[in-house]
Protein backbone atom coordinates (compact mmCIF):
# COMPACT_ATOMS: atom_id res chain seq x y z
CA MET A 1 -13.31 -1.52 1.64
CA THR A 2 -12.84 1.37 4.25
CA ILE A 3 -12.26 5.18 3.73
CA ALA A 4 -10.92 7.37 6.49
CA ILE A 5 -11.04 11.34 6.59
CA ARG A 6 -8.72 13.07 8.74
CA PRO A 7 -10.51 15.54 11.38
CA SER A 8 -10.35 19.09 9.67
CA LYS A 9 -11.16 22.79 10.93
CA LEU A 10 -12.96 22.77 7.35
CA SER A 11 -16.94 21.91 7.13
CA GLY A 12 -18.20 19.89 4.93
CA THR A 13 -14.50 18.04 4.48
CA PHE A 14 -16.45 14.47 4.23
CA ARG A 15 -18.51 15.68 0.93
CA ARG A 16 -15.44 17.53 -0.24
CA ALA A 17 -13.36 14.52 0.14
CA SER A 18 -15.68 12.09 -1.57
CA SER A 19 -15.88 14.88 -4.72
CA LEU A 20 -12.26 14.63 -5.13
CA ALA A 21 -12.22 11.18 -4.42
CA GLY A 22 -14.57 10.64 -7.55
CA LEU A 23 -12.68 12.80 -9.99
CA CYS A 24 -9.45 11.29 -8.85
CA PHE A 25 -11.26 7.96 -9.61
CA LEU A 26 -11.96 8.94 -13.15
CA THR A 27 -8.53 8.64 -14.01
CA ALA A 28 -7.90 5.40 -13.20
CA CYS A 29 -11.13 4.31 -15.45
CA GLY A 30 -11.17 3.50 -18.89
CA GLY A 31 -10.60 0.10 -19.31
CA SER A 32 -11.76 -3.39 -18.74
CA GLU A 33 -10.23 -5.76 -15.90
CA PRO A 34 -7.13 -7.87 -17.52
CA ALA A 35 -7.86 -11.00 -18.81
CA PRO A 36 -6.97 -13.63 -16.16
CA VAL A 37 -3.65 -15.05 -16.24
CA GLN A 38 -3.29 -18.62 -17.41
CA PRO A 39 -1.17 -21.34 -15.21
CA ALA A 40 2.09 -21.60 -17.14
CA ARG A 41 2.84 -25.02 -18.89
CA LEU A 42 6.18 -26.52 -19.06
CA ALA A 43 7.92 -26.20 -22.35
CA ALA A 44 10.82 -26.70 -24.45
CA ALA A 45 13.37 -23.64 -24.35
CA PRO A 46 11.55 -20.75 -26.38
CA LYS A 47 12.78 -20.30 -29.78
CA PRO A 48 14.57 -17.07 -30.75
CA THR A 49 12.21 -14.17 -31.81
CA ALA A 50 11.93 -10.52 -33.24
CA ALA A 51 12.78 -8.29 -30.60
CA ALA A 52 9.87 -7.72 -27.78
CA PRO A 53 7.33 -5.06 -28.14
CA ALA A 54 8.00 -1.71 -26.84
CA PRO A 55 6.45 -1.13 -23.45
CA ARG A 56 2.75 0.86 -23.14
CA GLY A 57 2.91 4.24 -22.21
CA PRO A 58 1.11 5.73 -19.91
CA ARG A 59 -2.66 5.93 -20.63
CA THR A 60 -3.35 9.35 -22.58
CA THR A 61 -7.17 8.67 -23.47
CA LEU A 62 -10.38 7.50 -21.44
CA ARG A 63 -13.40 6.12 -23.37
CA ARG A 64 -16.76 8.40 -22.85
CA THR A 65 -18.76 5.34 -22.00
CA ASP A 66 -16.23 4.40 -18.73
CA VAL A 67 -16.58 7.87 -17.80
CA VAL A 68 -20.34 8.12 -17.86
CA SER A 69 -20.26 4.70 -16.35
CA VAL A 70 -18.20 5.93 -13.55
CA ILE A 71 -20.31 9.14 -13.04
CA ASP A 72 -23.59 7.22 -13.02
CA SER A 73 -21.97 4.98 -10.13
CA GLY A 74 -22.44 7.84 -7.76
CA PHE A 75 -19.76 9.25 -5.15
CA GLY A 76 -20.02 6.19 -2.71
CA SER A 77 -18.06 3.68 -4.88
CA PHE A 78 -15.27 6.48 -5.43
CA LEU A 79 -15.00 6.45 -1.47
CA GLN A 80 -13.60 3.15 -1.61
CA ARG A 81 -10.88 4.00 -3.61
CA VAL A 82 -8.69 7.26 -2.45
CA GLN A 83 -8.68 8.72 1.10
CA VAL A 84 -7.66 12.33 1.29
CA GLU A 85 -7.48 15.43 3.59
CA PRO A 86 -7.48 18.95 3.19
CA SER A 87 -4.20 20.82 2.51
CA LEU A 88 -3.84 24.34 3.90
CA ALA A 89 -1.25 26.88 3.44
CA ASP A 90 -1.55 30.18 5.90
CA GLY A 91 -5.21 28.86 6.95
CA ARG A 92 -6.04 29.11 3.28
CA PHE A 93 -7.22 26.13 1.39
CA ARG A 94 -4.54 24.78 -1.15
CA GLY A 95 -6.05 21.35 -2.32
CA TRP A 96 -6.65 17.88 -1.44
CA THR A 97 -3.64 15.84 0.01
CA ILE A 98 -4.00 12.28 -0.99
CA VAL A 99 -3.32 10.04 1.56
CA ASP A 100 -3.79 6.52 0.16
CA LEU A 101 -5.28 4.94 -3.03
CA ARG A 102 -6.50 1.72 -2.76
CA PRO A 103 -6.37 -0.74 -3.99
CA THR A 104 -2.90 -0.15 -4.91
CA GLY A 105 -3.15 -1.99 -8.52
CA PHE A 106 -5.99 -0.15 -9.40
CA TRP A 107 -3.86 3.13 -9.37
CA ASP A 108 -0.62 1.45 -11.00
CA ALA A 109 -1.18 3.10 -14.48
CA VAL A 110 -2.13 6.56 -12.97
CA ASP A 111 0.53 9.04 -12.06
CA LEU A 112 -0.64 10.16 -8.49
CA LYS A 113 0.64 8.98 -5.57
CA PRO A 114 0.25 9.59 -1.51
CA GLY A 115 1.51 13.30 -0.73
CA ASP A 116 0.13 14.79 -4.14
CA ILE A 117 -2.11 17.52 -3.66
CA VAL A 118 -4.69 17.65 -6.21
CA THR A 119 -5.55 21.39 -6.53
CA SER A 120 -8.36 21.73 -9.69
CA VAL A 121 -9.92 19.36 -12.48
CA ASN A 122 -10.36 20.78 -15.80
CA GLY A 123 -9.44 24.43 -14.41
CA LEU A 124 -12.42 24.32 -12.17
CA PRO A 125 -12.07 24.36 -8.13
CA ILE A 126 -12.70 21.60 -6.31
CA GLU A 127 -12.47 23.18 -2.39
CA ARG A 128 -16.16 23.37 -1.61
CA ASP A 129 -18.67 20.29 -2.18
CA THR A 130 -20.67 22.09 -4.91
CA GLU A 131 -17.77 22.73 -7.00
CA ALA A 132 -16.35 19.50 -7.29
CA PHE A 133 -19.63 18.04 -7.82
CA ASP A 134 -19.97 20.27 -10.84
CA ALA A 135 -16.43 19.47 -12.25
CA PHE A 136 -17.32 15.90 -11.98
CA GLU A 137 -20.18 16.49 -13.76
CA SER A 138 -19.19 18.73 -16.39
CA LEU A 139 -16.96 15.36 -17.54
CA ARG A 140 -19.91 13.52 -18.64
CA THR A 141 -19.76 15.89 -21.82
CA ALA A 142 -16.11 17.09 -21.69
CA ASP A 143 -13.41 16.09 -24.41
CA ALA A 144 -10.52 16.18 -21.75
CA LEU A 145 -9.78 15.39 -18.37
CA ALA A 146 -7.27 17.58 -16.80
CA VAL A 147 -6.17 17.05 -13.06
CA ALA A 148 -3.98 19.45 -11.66
CA PHE A 149 -1.70 18.82 -8.66
CA VAL A 150 1.51 19.39 -6.82
CA ARG A 151 4.19 17.11 -6.33
CA ASP A 152 7.41 17.80 -3.95
CA GLY A 153 6.71 21.70 -4.55
CA ALA A 154 6.31 21.68 -8.48
CA ALA A 155 2.86 22.19 -10.42
CA ARG A 156 2.09 19.08 -12.51
CA THR A 157 -0.86 18.12 -14.82
CA LEU A 158 -2.44 14.63 -15.57
CA ALA A 159 -4.22 15.09 -19.22
CA TYR A 160 -6.60 12.28 -20.79
CA ARG A 161 -8.69 12.78 -23.91
CA ILE A 162 -11.87 11.40 -23.21
CA VAL A 163 -13.15 9.72 -26.89
CA ASP A 164 -16.45 8.30 -27.85
């Protein structure tokens, strides 16, 4: 897989982008790959059944073992999942604009999309590579993951509980 980071006037963009990518990647972890789908067999018309179960809502929890596994994987694996570029306002850093999320199926359960600007993780700044790394490592023992971002000018937060 390929990751592309657009040029920037900011130094250390590559390291900072990789840190953000890792933090965003955590929001998509927390579960196993779905079981493979078996080929359909031709059968008689289905019998009427009770009402279908309600669709599952957005994921609100992450398993600690999955979070720790992602952290232990290192930043390299994260870079394969997200493309970002710095977002500046009046020459000041605002956050990281998501340019692309790959593969798309991996991100289906996460409410992040290209154009969103990630501004902090668990209330911690992520502008510098050391800040993003500290926020990333803090998730190893955190009780929650909160990703603050801006979409279409409105501040939003993705919130997940981290459970043992």
